[in-house]
Protein backbone atom coordinates (compact mmCIF):
# COMPACT_ATOMS: atom_id res chain seq x y z
CA MET A 1 0.00 0.00 0.00
CA GLU A 2 1.23 3.46 -0.89
CA SER A 3 2.45 5.75 1.87
CA PHE A 4 2.70 9.51 1.69
CA PRO A 5 5.15 12.01 3.17
CA PRO A 6 4.12 13.43 6.54
CA CYS A 7 2.61 16.90 6.77
CA ALA A 8 3.25 18.72 10.03
CA ALA A 9 1.17 21.78 10.97
CA ASP A 10 4.26 23.97 11.03
CA ALA A 11 5.48 22.74 7.65
CA VAL A 12 2.36 22.63 5.48
CA PRO A 13 3.55 23.00 1.88
CA ILE A 14 0.51 25.17 1.05
CA GLU A 15 -1.26 28.01 2.86
CA PRO A 16 -4.80 26.82 3.73
CA ILE A 17 -7.80 29.07 3.17
CA SER A 18 -10.10 29.08 6.19
CA MET A 19 -13.71 27.92 6.02
CA THR A 20 -16.36 30.65 6.23
CA LYS A 21 -19.53 28.52 5.93
CA THR A 22 -19.61 25.26 7.86
CA ALA A 23 -21.79 22.37 9.00
CA PRO A 24 -21.15 19.77 11.70
CA VAL A 25 -19.67 16.42 10.68
CA PRO A 26 -21.41 13.63 12.62
CA ILE A 27 -18.29 11.51 12.97
CA SER A 28 -17.57 9.54 16.10
CA VAL A 29 -14.66 7.15 15.60
CA SER A 30 -12.17 5.95 18.19
CA TYR A 31 -8.47 5.36 17.57
CA THR A 32 -5.80 3.78 19.71
CA ALA A 33 -2.88 5.91 20.88
CA GLU A 34 -0.71 4.13 18.29
CA GLU A 35 -3.18 4.89 15.49
CA PHE A 36 -3.41 8.50 16.64
CA GLU A 37 0.37 8.80 16.34
CA GLN A 38 0.00 7.87 12.65
CA ILE A 39 -2.84 10.37 12.28
CA LYS A 40 -0.76 13.09 13.96
CA ALA A 41 1.94 12.67 11.31
CA GLY A 42 -0.53 13.86 8.66
CA ALA A 43 0.14 13.37 4.96
CA PHE A 44 0.88 15.40 1.90
CA VAL A 45 -0.67 13.79 -1.16
CA GLU A 46 0.75 15.88 -3.98
CA ASP A 47 -1.88 17.82 -5.94
CA ILE A 48 -4.64 16.32 -3.78
CA TRP A 49 -4.43 16.73 0.02
CA ALA A 50 -2.48 18.38 2.78
CA ILE A 51 -3.71 16.69 5.94
CA PHE A 52 -2.24 17.91 9.21
CA LEU A 53 -3.04 18.03 12.92
CA LYS A 54 -2.99 21.31 14.80
CA GLU A 55 -4.16 21.58 18.42
CA ASN A 56 -5.97 18.21 18.16
CA VAL A 57 -7.88 19.29 15.04
CA LEU A 58 -7.19 17.35 11.84
CA HIS A 59 -7.30 19.70 8.85
CA PHE A 60 -8.05 18.35 5.36
CA VAL A 61 -6.91 20.92 2.80
CA ARG A 62 -7.20 20.50 -0.97
CA ALA A 63 -3.65 20.93 -2.27
CA ARG A 64 -4.61 22.57 -5.56
CA THR A 65 -7.17 25.07 -4.30
CA ARG A 66 -5.95 25.46 -0.68
CA PHE A 67 -9.58 25.21 0.47
CA THR A 68 -10.09 23.53 3.82
CA VAL A 69 -12.69 20.79 3.36
CA TYR A 70 -12.85 19.27 6.86
CA GLN A 71 -11.69 20.08 10.36
CA LEU A 72 -12.11 17.05 12.61
CA ALA A 73 -11.66 17.64 16.33
CA PHE A 74 -10.20 14.89 18.53
CA VAL A 75 -10.54 14.37 22.25
CA GLU A 76 -8.37 12.15 24.40
CA THR A 77 -10.02 9.09 25.91
CA GLU A 78 -8.90 6.42 28.34
CA ASP A 79 -7.90 4.15 25.42
CA GLY A 80 -6.59 6.73 22.94
CA PHE A 81 -8.50 9.38 20.99
CA ARG A 82 -11.86 9.79 19.32
CA THR A 83 -13.36 12.29 16.96
CA ASP A 84 -15.66 14.86 18.50
CA PRO A 85 -18.78 15.26 16.33
CA GLU A 86 -19.81 18.38 18.27
CA ALA A 87 -16.63 20.21 17.20
CA SER A 88 -15.94 18.67 13.77
CA LEU A 89 -16.78 20.75 10.71
CA ALA A 90 -17.21 20.46 6.95
CA ASN A 91 -16.93 23.30 4.46
CA ARG A 92 -20.31 24.39 3.13
CA ASP A 93 -19.26 27.21 0.83
CA PRO A 94 -20.51 25.98 -2.57
CA GLU A 95 -17.74 27.95 -4.29
CA GLN A 96 -15.18 25.84 -2.41
CA TYR A 97 -16.83 22.45 -1.81
CA ARG A 98 -20.04 21.15 -3.35
CA GLU A 99 -21.02 18.26 -1.07
CA ASP A 100 -23.82 19.07 1.36
CA ASP A 101 -24.55 15.72 3.00
CA ASN A 102 -23.16 15.65 6.53
CA ALA A 103 -23.40 11.86 6.91
CA TYR A 104 -21.55 11.32 3.64
CA ASP A 105 -18.85 13.76 4.71
CA ALA A 106 -18.37 11.74 7.91
CA ALA A 107 -17.99 8.53 5.89
CA LEU A 108 -15.63 10.13 3.37
CA ALA A 109 -13.44 11.71 6.07
CA GLU A 110 -13.21 8.35 7.86
CA PHE A 111 -12.28 6.67 4.55
CA ILE A 112 -9.50 9.21 3.95
CA ILE A 113 -8.12 8.71 7.46
CA ASN A 114 -8.18 4.94 7.02
CA VAL A 115 -6.63 4.82 3.55
CA ILE A 116 -4.21 7.74 3.51
CA LEU A 117 -3.15 8.10 7.14
CA LEU A 118 -3.56 4.57 8.53
CA ARG A 119 -2.94 2.75 5.22
CA ARG A 120 -5.86 0.38 5.64
CA GLU A 121 -7.76 -1.30 2.86
CA VAL A 122 -11.40 -0.30 3.27
CA PRO A 123 -14.23 0.06 0.75
CA PHE A 124 -14.87 3.48 -0.73
CA PRO A 125 -18.15 4.93 0.60
CA MET A 126 -20.32 5.59 -2.42
CA HIS A 127 -23.17 8.02 -1.92
CA GLU A 128 -26.61 6.45 -2.32
CA ARG A 129 -27.54 8.86 -5.13
CA VAL A 130 -24.55 7.62 -7.13
CA MET A 131 -25.11 3.95 -6.30
CA ARG A 132 -28.68 4.05 -7.60
CA ALA A 133 -27.19 4.61 -11.05
CA ASN A 134 -24.98 1.50 -10.63
CA PRO A 135 -21.99 3.18 -12.33
CA PRO A 136 -19.35 1.16 -14.18
CA PRO A 137 -16.02 0.57 -12.39
CA LYS A 138 -14.13 3.29 -14.28
CA ILE A 139 -16.68 5.89 -13.18
CA VAL A 140 -16.43 4.69 -9.57
CA LEU A 141 -12.65 5.07 -9.69
CA LEU A 142 -13.04 8.57 -11.10
CA ILE A 143 -15.46 9.49 -8.30
CA GLN A 144 -13.09 7.96 -5.73
CA SER A 145 -10.14 9.85 -7.19
CA LYS A 146 -11.93 13.21 -7.19
CA ALA A 147 -13.62 12.82 -3.79
CA ALA A 148 -10.93 11.13 -1.73
CA GLY A 149 -7.72 11.46 -3.66
CA THR A 150 -7.32 7.71 -3.95
CA PHE A 151 -7.44 5.64 -7.09
CA VAL A 152 -7.05 2.06 -5.98
CA GLU A 153 -9.23 -0.65 -7.45
CA GLU A 154 -8.79 -3.03 -4.53
CA TYR A 155 -10.85 -0.72 -2.33
CA TYR A 156 -13.99 -1.34 -4.33
CA SER A 157 -16.06 -4.51 -4.73
CA TRP A 158 -17.22 -4.26 -8.33
CA PRO A 159 -20.94 -4.91 -8.79
CA LYS A 160 -22.17 -6.33 -12.08
CA ARG A 161 -25.07 -4.52 -13.69
CA GLY A 162 -28.25 -5.84 -12.13
CA ASP A 163 -26.47 -7.35 -9.09
CA ALA A 164 -27.09 -6.10 -5.61
CA VAL A 165 -24.45 -3.51 -4.81
CA LYS A 166 -21.82 -4.82 -2.40
CA GLN A 167 -20.52 -1.36 -1.55
CA VAL A 168 -21.05 0.72 1.55
CA ALA A 169 -24.06 2.96 0.98
CA ILE A 170 -24.38 6.31 2.66
CA THR A 171 -28.01 7.45 2.67
CA GLU A 172 -29.14 11.04 2.64
CA GLU A 173 -30.82 12.21 5.82
């Protein structure tokens, strides 16, 4: 699995643009102290993401536009760290980021943490509105590439047209 160079808060290769319109991200995921150490290292995915931790907030910044897409807050727990859905935010400025589904943003942010920062193989979370169209594999990879900055076929269980979709579905609320 590919690994990316770390991205420390004091050495971000791009200057992030702050979010002006936001919505809460309903993400509540726990990580061990060891996993959090990997998360703290951040990652610079050239032309795609600058992901860095600053004051226990994980910033997801699009490398090309410098727009901040997510800010996920973490709190320390007895066993490690967990995301704080009360203090985690997604960009809602349509000029900077077009998604407006909070639940999907939570799933996508978790996917990015798993794949880019923790180097885990997990399925890409396709939005229900996309899955209804049962897109061909190449379209799914394009969506995955644009949304998450990953382009790895192994992360997707390819459905055949007419088959029940084997992918993780995120429904609109």
